[in-house]
Amino acid sequence: RERMAAGTAAIVAEAEALGDPEVLENLRYILDAPAGSSNTQFHNGWRRDRAPDGSSLRSRRGMRLADFVALPVARRARLEEAHVVALRLYSTAAFRALNDPLRDRARTAPHPFAATVFLLAAALRRLRAVTATMAGADEPLDLWRGMAQVDVNADAAFFRRGGTELAP
């Protein structure tokens, strides 16, 4: 709770303690750079803040962290800066540093991003509560979840018991 109360500083401290260059680079971009100003390309070939076809996401181009915090949906959801940082960090290649420890069922050490994951989960709950009341919220929505090296058809147990994702 103490770390979480530190907000964005807690996220920065967790990233610095981990020391992963990719996480730190993504965090610096979120904190200091305008959206759309990076040409960084990720493992799937997509560029940061770009649509899959490479086109610029004009509606967010040039926005800085304070602009994301000031978005109407963020204000309605009462998101603080740290919530927005956690959401934006999770939407980068840094998601692995948050997801992998959650998926590691043999792990006994504390999660290296405990405050960040808590802030991310809180932000998702707040956004869900707000967007559930918006026009069109009851309309069908296709959600896609990428999974690598998984063959669900080969696992009959999955069809009997089902499954759950341990990460956000």
Protein backbone atom coordinates (compact mmCIF):
# COMPACT_ATOMS: atom_id res chain seq x y z
CA ARG A 1 0.00 0.00 0.00
CA GLU A 2 2.84 2.38 0.77
CA ARG A 3 4.41 1.82 -2.64
CA MET A 4 1.09 2.17 -4.37
CA ALA A 5 0.42 5.46 -2.60
CA ALA A 6 3.58 6.78 -4.23
CA GLY A 7 1.76 6.61 -7.58
CA THR A 8 3.89 7.12 -10.66
CA ALA A 9 7.04 7.17 -8.52
CA ALA A 10 6.26 3.59 -7.46
CA ILE A 11 6.06 2.48 -11.09
CA VAL A 12 9.35 4.20 -11.87
CA ALA A 13 11.00 2.61 -8.83
CA GLU A 14 9.77 -0.86 -9.82
CA ALA A 15 11.03 -0.42 -13.39
CA GLU A 16 14.41 0.85 -12.20
CA ALA A 17 14.73 -2.03 -9.71
CA LEU A 18 14.03 -4.55 -12.48
CA GLY A 19 16.52 -2.81 -14.76
CA ASP A 20 15.11 -4.20 -18.00
CA PRO A 21 16.20 -1.78 -20.76
CA GLU A 22 13.04 -2.37 -22.83
CA VAL A 23 10.75 -1.64 -19.86
CA LEU A 24 12.73 1.47 -18.94
CA GLU A 25 12.71 2.76 -22.53
CA ASN A 26 8.95 2.29 -22.79
CA LEU A 27 8.39 3.99 -19.44
CA ARG A 28 10.57 6.97 -20.40
CA TYR A 29 8.58 7.32 -23.62
CA ILE A 30 5.27 7.32 -21.72
CA LEU A 31 6.49 9.82 -19.14
CA ASP A 32 8.46 12.20 -21.35
CA ALA A 33 7.64 11.93 -25.04
CA PRO A 34 4.66 12.99 -27.12
CA ALA A 35 2.61 10.14 -28.58
CA GLY A 36 3.61 9.34 -32.12
CA SER A 37 7.13 10.69 -31.78
CA SER A 38 8.83 7.29 -31.73
CA ASN A 39 9.88 5.08 -34.61
CA THR A 40 10.59 2.12 -32.32
CA GLN A 41 9.56 -1.13 -33.96
CA PHE A 42 8.55 -4.16 -31.92
CA HIS A 43 8.94 -7.91 -32.43
CA ASN A 44 5.77 -8.12 -34.53
CA GLY A 45 7.00 -5.37 -36.85
CA TRP A 46 4.49 -2.81 -35.60
CA ARG A 47 5.72 0.64 -34.71
CA ARG A 48 4.85 2.30 -31.43
CA ASP A 49 1.68 4.43 -31.47
CA ARG A 50 0.83 3.32 -34.99
CA ALA A 51 -2.01 1.32 -36.44
CA PRO A 52 -1.06 -2.17 -37.71
CA ASP A 53 -0.93 -0.79 -41.27
CA GLY A 54 1.71 1.73 -40.13
CA SER A 55 -0.54 4.76 -40.35
CA SER A 56 -0.36 7.37 -37.64
CA LEU A 57 -2.95 7.36 -34.88
CA ARG A 58 -3.86 10.98 -35.53
CA SER A 59 -6.33 11.33 -32.69
CA ARG A 60 -3.60 10.79 -30.09
CA ARG A 61 -0.56 12.12 -31.98
CA GLY A 62 1.35 14.69 -29.96
CA MET A 63 -0.47 13.91 -26.72
CA ARG A 64 1.61 13.84 -23.57
CA LEU A 65 0.91 12.04 -20.32
CA ALA A 66 -1.11 14.95 -18.88
CA ASP A 67 -3.29 14.92 -22.03
CA PHE A 68 -4.11 11.23 -21.55
CA VAL A 69 -4.96 11.88 -17.89
CA ALA A 70 -7.25 14.71 -19.00
CA LEU A 71 -9.24 12.64 -21.51
CA PRO A 72 -12.97 12.71 -20.69
CA VAL A 73 -13.15 8.95 -20.12
CA ALA A 74 -10.15 9.10 -17.78
CA ARG A 75 -11.73 11.96 -15.82
CA ARG A 76 -15.09 10.15 -15.60
CA ALA A 77 -13.29 7.04 -14.34
CA ARG A 78 -11.34 9.16 -11.82
CA LEU A 79 -8.05 7.85 -13.15
CA GLU A 80 -4.98 9.37 -11.58
CA GLU A 81 -1.70 9.80 -13.41
CA ALA A 82 -0.36 6.50 -12.04
CA HIS A 83 -3.38 4.61 -13.40
CA VAL A 84 -2.77 6.06 -16.86
CA VAL A 85 0.95 5.27 -16.69
CA ALA A 86 0.17 1.66 -15.72
CA LEU A 87 -2.35 1.32 -18.57
CA ARG A 88 0.00 2.84 -21.14
CA LEU A 89 2.97 0.79 -19.91
CA TYR A 90 0.92 -2.39 -20.20
CA SER A 91 0.05 -1.47 -23.78
CA THR A 92 3.75 -1.51 -24.72
CA ALA A 93 6.23 -4.37 -25.05
CA ALA A 94 6.69 -4.02 -21.28
CA PHE A 95 3.54 -6.13 -20.83
CA ARG A 96 5.78 -9.20 -20.60
CA ALA A 97 7.42 -7.92 -17.40
CA LEU A 98 3.96 -7.61 -15.84
CA ASN A 99 2.40 -10.79 -17.25
CA ASP A 100 5.20 -13.33 -16.93
CA PRO A 101 5.41 -13.31 -13.11
CA LEU A 102 1.61 -13.60 -12.90
CA ARG A 103 1.67 -16.66 -15.14
CA ASP A 104 4.59 -18.32 -13.35
CA ARG A 105 2.75 -20.63 -10.95
CA ALA A 106 6.03 -21.85 -9.42
CA ARG A 107 7.12 -18.32 -8.46
CA THR A 108 7.45 -17.63 -4.75
CA ALA A 109 9.13 -14.23 -4.90
CA PRO A 110 7.02 -11.07 -4.79
CA HIS A 111 5.94 -9.68 -8.14
CA PRO A 112 8.56 -7.12 -9.28
CA PHE A 113 5.74 -4.81 -10.41
CA ALA A 114 3.30 -5.32 -7.53
CA ALA A 115 2.24 -1.66 -7.30
CA THR A 116 2.04 -1.32 -11.09
CA VAL A 117 -0.16 -4.42 -11.43
CA PHE A 118 -2.42 -3.20 -8.63
CA LEU A 119 -2.74 0.23 -10.28
CA LEU A 120 -3.41 -1.43 -13.64
CA ALA A 121 -6.15 -3.62 -12.17
CA ALA A 122 -7.71 -0.64 -10.37
CA ALA A 123 -7.65 1.39 -13.59
CA LEU A 124 -9.35 -1.42 -15.53
CA ARG A 125 -12.07 -1.73 -12.87
CA ARG A 126 -12.70 2.02 -12.92
CA LEU A 127 -12.83 2.15 -16.71
CA ARG A 128 -15.13 -0.87 -16.84
CA ALA A 129 -17.53 0.78 -14.38
CA VAL A 130 -17.65 3.99 -16.42
CA THR A 131 -17.83 2.46 -19.89
CA ALA A 132 -20.57 0.03 -18.81
CA THR A 133 -22.92 3.02 -18.61
CA MET A 134 -21.96 4.53 -21.96
CA ALA A 135 -24.09 4.31 -25.09
CA GLY A 136 -23.49 1.06 -26.94
CA ALA A 137 -22.03 -0.73 -23.92
CA ASP A 138 -24.52 -3.56 -24.35
CA GLU A 139 -23.61 -4.10 -28.01
CA PRO A 140 -21.68 -7.26 -28.95
CA LEU A 141 -17.94 -6.81 -29.04
CA ASP A 142 -15.25 -9.07 -30.48
CA LEU A 143 -12.21 -9.35 -28.25
CA TRP A 144 -9.02 -10.92 -29.48
CA ARG A 145 -6.29 -12.45 -27.39
CA GLY A 146 -3.06 -13.45 -29.04
CA MET A 147 -1.47 -16.68 -27.86
CA ALA A 148 1.77 -18.16 -29.10
CA GLN A 149 2.68 -21.83 -29.24
CA VAL A 150 -0.73 -23.00 -28.02
CA ASP A 151 -2.82 -25.76 -29.56
CA VAL A 152 -6.13 -25.80 -27.70
CA ASN A 153 -7.48 -28.52 -29.98
CA ALA A 154 -4.76 -30.89 -28.72
CA ASP A 155 -5.81 -30.38 -25.09
CA ALA A 156 -9.07 -32.25 -24.40
CA ALA A 157 -8.80 -31.24 -20.71
CA PHE A 158 -9.25 -27.61 -21.72
CA PHE A 159 -12.60 -28.42 -23.29
CA ARG A 160 -13.71 -30.29 -20.14
CA ARG A 161 -12.50 -27.83 -17.51
CA GLY A 162 -11.97 -24.57 -19.36
CA GLY A 163 -9.24 -22.16 -18.42
CA THR A 164 -8.39 -18.69 -17.35
CA GLU A 165 -5.74 -16.13 -18.14
CA LEU A 166 -3.68 -15.29 -15.06
CA ALA A 167 -2.50 -11.97 -16.47
CA PRO A 168 -4.71 -8.84 -17.01
